[in-house]
Amino acid sequence: MPMFARARALESVVREVAREVTMPLYLKSGRLHKSDGSSLTEADGATQRALAERLMDVVDAPVLGEEMSAEQQRDCWAQGAQGLWVIDPIDGTTNFANGIPLFGLSVGFLVNGETQFGVVYNPIADEAFYAGRGAGAWLNGQRLPLRQPPGTLSAAVGGVDFKRVPPALAAHLAVNSPCFSLRNFGSSALEWCFVAAGRLDVYLHGGQMLWDYAAGRLLVEESGGIASALDGNPLRASPSGKQSVVVAASPALHAQWLGWLLRAGG
């Protein structure tokens, strides 16, 4: 099956799970806290289980989910070199639990650590972002990006999650941003999609896991964008360990954004 067709088949599965499992629990799931301080709700586990079951109808492969133990994640990674599902059942759990309508179900299918197709779906806005390697990035049937990025960083709208950014860099960004404006939406997966769509021009996050960007990274790349770690090295696919991400809607903007961050203390 071509990558675009697989992306559309995955989109149907993710929409179905969101409709039947995730959204009936919206504003009905209390927020708990995991050992790393991040949020967890009943809906996260229910959504992950439903996705793990129904993804087999698209490709029968191991499933690595955020709400697994670290040992289970490592085992899935070891078994899935030739094909692996990576899912974040609800990215933006705090938003979900508090009724803020910015969260998404994120699913990517990886082969040898490279995402081949993926979907991020925001059920509140009914926006499905999907991409297939070599087949482009799309939003509800419309090719991405929706708008072209500016040529200069000073005209760019940026997304920054300040929590894990090095303190000196975070302080410099807060008082001396090189961008026209900065935003933080509370959902990493959606913020990757917003760069792909042209809603954000650049993005910075100080510490993401594989499931945070498994789908979003492909969406950015297929829409003409580029991503790296904060030190300028390529992102590495790994089931363990957080890494910084520097993302831009064009290679030219990425060079300006990364250069400014490194000079400012990244």
Protein backbone atom coordinates (compact mmCIF):
# COMPACT_ATOMS: atom_id res chain seq x y z
CA MET A 1 0.00 0.00 0.00
CA PRO A 2 1.47 3.44 -0.93
CA MET A 3 2.50 5.68 1.97
CA PHE A 4 -0.26 8.20 1.30
CA ALA A 5 -2.90 5.47 1.39
CA ARG A 6 -1.47 4.13 4.63
CA ALA A 7 -1.53 7.61 6.15
CA ARG A 8 -5.20 7.96 5.22
CA ALA A 9 -6.00 4.51 6.63
CA LEU A 10 -4.25 5.51 9.86
CA GLU A 11 -6.18 8.77 9.94
CA SER A 12 -9.45 6.82 9.88
CA VAL A 13 -8.35 4.64 12.80
CA VAL A 14 -7.21 7.60 14.91
CA ARG A 15 -10.44 9.51 14.23
CA GLU A 16 -12.46 6.46 15.23
CA VAL A 17 -10.60 5.96 18.51
CA ALA A 18 -10.90 9.65 19.36
CA ARG A 19 -14.64 9.58 18.71
CA GLU A 20 -15.41 6.31 20.49
CA VAL A 21 -12.89 6.25 23.34
CA THR A 22 -11.14 9.56 24.00
CA MET A 23 -13.85 12.19 23.72
CA PRO A 24 -16.47 10.41 25.88
CA LEU A 25 -13.96 10.91 28.72
CA TYR A 26 -13.31 14.60 27.99
CA LEU A 27 -13.83 16.67 31.16
CA LYS A 28 -14.66 13.43 33.00
CA SER A 29 -11.12 12.22 33.76
CA GLY A 30 -9.29 13.50 36.80
CA ARG A 31 -5.67 14.50 36.43
CA LEU A 32 -3.02 12.37 38.11
CA HIS A 33 0.76 12.82 38.08
CA LYS A 34 3.42 10.40 36.87
CA SER A 35 6.85 10.06 38.45
CA ASP A 36 8.33 12.59 36.00
CA GLY A 37 5.73 15.18 37.00
CA SER A 38 3.71 14.99 33.77
CA SER A 39 -0.06 14.53 33.75
CA LEU A 40 -2.03 11.32 33.30
CA THR A 41 -5.76 10.62 33.01
CA GLU A 42 -7.98 7.58 32.58
CA ALA A 43 -8.39 8.63 28.96
CA ASP A 44 -4.65 8.24 28.23
CA GLY A 45 -4.67 4.56 29.11
CA ALA A 46 -7.99 3.83 27.42
CA THR A 47 -6.92 5.60 24.24
CA GLN A 48 -3.57 3.82 24.14
CA ARG A 49 -5.20 0.40 24.52
CA ALA A 50 -7.74 1.12 21.79
CA LEU A 51 -5.09 2.39 19.39
CA ALA A 52 -2.80 -0.58 20.06
CA GLU A 53 -5.61 -2.95 19.16
CA ARG A 54 -6.91 -1.19 16.06
CA LEU A 55 -3.56 -0.26 14.54
CA MET A 56 -3.09 -3.93 13.70
CA ASP A 57 -5.68 -3.44 10.94
CA VAL A 58 -3.25 -1.03 9.23
CA VAL A 59 0.09 -2.77 9.88
CA ASP A 60 0.66 -5.68 12.25
CA ALA A 61 3.71 -4.49 14.20
CA PRO A 62 4.86 -3.88 17.80
CA VAL A 63 3.38 -0.84 19.54
CA LEU A 64 5.46 1.51 21.70
CA GLY A 65 3.24 3.82 23.73
CA GLU A 66 3.99 6.65 26.13
CA GLU A 67 1.98 5.00 28.89
CA MET A 68 4.17 1.88 29.00
CA SER A 69 6.96 1.17 31.43
CA ALA A 70 10.49 2.04 30.31
CA GLU A 71 11.30 -1.68 30.12
CA GLN A 72 8.30 -2.37 27.89
CA GLN A 73 9.29 0.53 25.64
CA ARG A 74 12.83 -0.79 25.26
CA ASP A 75 11.52 -4.26 24.44
CA CYS A 76 9.18 -2.89 21.78
CA TRP A 77 11.99 -0.84 20.29
CA ALA A 78 14.24 -3.90 20.08
CA GLN A 79 11.50 -5.91 18.38
CA GLY A 80 10.40 -3.21 15.95
CA ALA A 81 13.40 -2.33 13.77
CA GLN A 82 11.51 -3.43 10.65
CA GLY A 83 8.27 -1.79 11.70
CA LEU A 84 7.12 -0.09 14.90
CA TRP A 85 4.12 1.95 15.97
CA VAL A 86 4.94 4.87 18.26
CA ILE A 87 1.94 6.49 19.92
CA ASP A 88 1.20 9.33 22.29
CA PRO A 89 -2.44 8.64 23.16
CA ILE A 90 -3.14 12.18 24.33
CA ASP A 91 -0.45 14.79 23.79
CA GLY A 92 -1.42 17.77 25.92
CA THR A 93 -2.96 15.81 28.80
CA THR A 94 -3.08 18.84 31.10
CA ASN A 95 -5.02 20.73 28.43
CA PHE A 96 -7.34 17.73 28.04
CA ALA A 97 -7.98 17.43 31.77
CA ASN A 98 -8.61 21.16 32.19
CA GLY A 99 -10.85 21.55 29.16
CA ILE A 100 -8.37 23.55 27.09
CA PRO A 101 -9.16 22.53 23.49
CA LEU A 102 -5.58 21.98 22.37
CA PHE A 103 -4.53 18.33 22.54
CA GLY A 104 -4.02 15.55 20.05
CA LEU A 105 -3.71 11.84 19.43
CA SER A 106 -0.33 11.24 17.79
CA VAL A 107 0.70 8.07 15.94
CA GLY A 108 3.73 7.38 13.77
CA PHE A 109 4.91 4.21 12.00
CA LEU A 110 8.70 3.85 12.00
CA VAL A 111 11.07 1.58 10.08
CA ASN A 112 14.69 1.56 11.24
CA GLY A 113 14.00 4.65 13.34
CA GLU A 114 12.55 6.70 10.46
CA THR A 115 8.87 7.64 10.41
CA GLN A 116 7.19 6.43 7.22
CA PHE A 117 3.73 7.81 7.84
CA GLY A 118 1.94 9.46 10.74
CA VAL A 119 -1.12 11.27 12.01
CA VAL A 120 -1.82 13.89 14.66
CA TYR A 121 -5.52 14.49 15.30
CA ASN A 122 -7.10 17.28 17.36
CA PRO A 123 -10.67 16.04 17.95
CA ILE A 124 -11.94 19.35 19.32
CA ALA A 125 -11.07 21.22 16.12
CA ASP A 126 -11.62 18.10 13.97
CA GLU A 127 -8.21 18.69 12.41
CA ALA A 128 -6.29 15.67 11.16
CA PHE A 129 -2.69 16.33 10.19
CA TYR A 130 -1.19 13.42 8.25
CA ALA A 131 1.88 12.70 6.16
CA GLY A 132 3.54 9.91 4.22
CA ARG A 133 7.24 9.86 3.41
CA GLY A 134 7.61 11.25 -0.08
CA ALA A 135 3.85 11.91 -0.29
CA GLY A 136 3.60 15.31 1.36
CA ALA A 137 1.89 16.64 4.49
CA TRP A 138 -1.81 17.37 4.67
CA LEU A 139 -4.52 18.84 6.88
CA ASN A 140 -8.05 17.53 6.26
CA GLY A 141 -7.27 17.07 2.58
CA GLN A 142 -5.40 20.34 2.07
CA ARG A 143 -1.70 20.25 1.22
CA LEU A 144 0.63 21.85 3.75
CA PRO A 145 1.93 24.45 4.36
CA LEU A 146 -1.13 26.70 4.40
CA ARG A 147 1.10 29.80 4.27
CA GLN A 148 4.70 30.37 3.35
CA PRO A 149 7.13 31.27 6.16
CA PRO A 150 8.74 34.70 6.36
CA GLY A 151 12.30 35.14 5.17
CA THR A 152 13.61 36.64 8.39
CA LEU A 153 13.52 35.57 12.01
CA SER A 154 12.38 39.03 13.10
CA ALA A 155 9.10 38.46 11.25
CA ALA A 156 8.57 34.94 12.57
CA VAL A 157 6.01 33.71 15.09
CA GLY A 158 7.68 31.18 17.36
CA GLY A 159 6.56 28.45 19.70
CA VAL A 160 8.66 27.97 22.84
CA ASP A 161 8.17 25.61 25.78
CA PHE A 162 10.25 27.30 28.47
CA LYS A 163 10.11 24.50 31.07
CA ARG A 164 13.13 22.52 29.88
CA VAL A 165 15.08 25.20 28.02
CA PRO A 166 18.45 26.02 29.67
CA PRO A 167 17.75 28.81 32.20
CA ALA A 168 20.11 31.38 30.71
CA LEU A 169 18.65 30.85 27.24
CA ALA A 170 15.08 30.94 28.56
CA ALA A 171 15.73 34.25 30.31
CA HIS A 172 17.29 35.73 27.19
CA LEU A 173 14.36 34.58 25.05
CA ALA A 174 11.83 36.00 27.51
CA VAL A 175 13.28 39.52 27.47
CA ASN A 176 15.04 39.70 24.11
CA SER A 177 13.22 37.43 21.68
CA PRO A 178 14.48 37.58 18.08
CA CYS A 179 10.98 36.75 16.82
CA PHE A 180 7.97 38.92 16.16
CA SER A 181 6.03 36.99 18.83
CA LEU A 182 6.26 33.82 20.93
CA ARG A 183 3.53 31.30 21.82
CA ASN A 184 3.15 28.13 23.92
CA PHE A 185 0.14 25.87 23.33
CA GLY A 186 0.81 23.01 25.75
CA SER A 187 0.83 20.21 23.16
CA SER A 188 4.15 19.30 21.55
CA ALA A 189 2.54 17.20 18.83
CA LEU A 190 0.25 20.03 17.77
CA GLU A 191 3.09 22.54 17.85
CA TRP A 192 5.03 20.43 15.33
CA CYS A 193 1.87 20.41 13.21
CA PHE A 194 1.51 24.16 13.52
CA VAL A 195 5.01 24.58 12.05
CA ALA A 196 4.08 22.21 9.22
CA ALA A 197 0.92 24.21 8.56
CA GLY A 198 2.62 27.61 8.74
CA ARG A 199 0.81 28.71 11.89
CA LEU A 200 4.17 28.80 13.65
CA ASP A 201 7.37 29.63 11.81
CA VAL A 202 9.89 28.34 14.37
CA TYR A 203 9.70 26.15 17.47
CA LEU A 204 11.89 25.28 20.46
CA HIS A 205 11.40 22.63 23.12
CA GLY A 206 14.02 21.70 25.69
CA GLY A 207 13.24 18.02 26.14
CA GLN A 208 11.07 15.71 24.04
CA MET A 209 10.63 11.97 23.93
CA LEU A 210 10.24 9.88 20.78
CA TRP A 211 6.45 9.83 20.95
CA ASP A 212 6.34 13.63 21.13
CA TYR A 213 7.71 13.99 17.61
CA ALA A 214 7.34 10.60 15.88
CA ALA A 215 4.52 11.93 13.68
CA GLY A 216 5.18 15.68 13.87
CA ARG A 217 8.74 15.51 12.61
CA LEU A 218 7.62 13.83 9.39
CA LEU A 219 4.86 16.41 8.95
CA VAL A 220 7.41 19.23 9.21
CA GLU A 221 9.84 17.58 6.81
CA GLU A 222 7.15 16.79 4.24
CA SER A 223 5.94 20.40 4.33
CA GLY A 224 9.41 21.78 3.60
CA GLY A 225 10.64 22.37 7.15
CA ILE A 226 13.62 21.09 9.07
CA ALA A 227 14.49 20.07 12.63
CA SER A 228 17.61 19.44 14.69
CA ALA A 229 18.75 19.17 18.28
CA LEU A 230 19.77 22.36 20.09
CA ASP A 231 23.44 21.59 19.49
CA GLY A 232 22.78 21.47 15.74
CA ASN A 233 23.10 17.70 15.45
CA PRO A 234 20.36 15.60 13.82
CA LEU A 235 17.58 14.31 16.05
CA ARG A 236 18.12 10.71 17.08
CA ALA A 237 15.30 8.23 17.33
CA SER A 238 15.47 6.50 20.71
CA PRO A 239 12.93 5.07 23.16
CA SER A 240 14.72 6.62 26.13
CA GLY A 241 16.17 10.00 26.98
CA LYS A 242 14.81 13.45 26.27
CA GLN A 243 16.35 15.67 23.64
CA SER A 244 15.95 19.29 22.69
CA VAL A 245 14.32 20.15 19.38
CA VAL A 246 14.85 23.21 17.18
CA VAL A 247 12.31 23.35 14.36
CA ALA A 248 11.65 25.78 11.52
CA ALA A 249 9.32 25.95 8.55
CA SER A 250 12.23 26.43 6.13
CA PRO A 251 15.97 25.65 6.07
CA ALA A 252 16.77 29.37 5.92
CA LEU A 253 14.73 30.13 9.03
CA HIS A 254 16.23 27.13 10.81
CA ALA A 255 19.74 28.46 10.21
CA GLN A 256 18.78 31.86 11.63
CA TRP A 257 16.88 30.38 14.60
CA LEU A 258 19.56 27.87 15.57
CA GLY A 259 22.29 30.43 15.13
CA TRP A 260 20.55 32.89 17.44
CA LEU A 261 19.89 30.20 20.06
CA LEU A 262 23.51 29.07 20.08
CA ARG A 263 24.80 32.62 20.39
CA ALA A 264 22.31 33.31 23.19
CA GLY A 265 23.51 30.42 25.30
CA GLY A 266 21.85 27.27 23.94
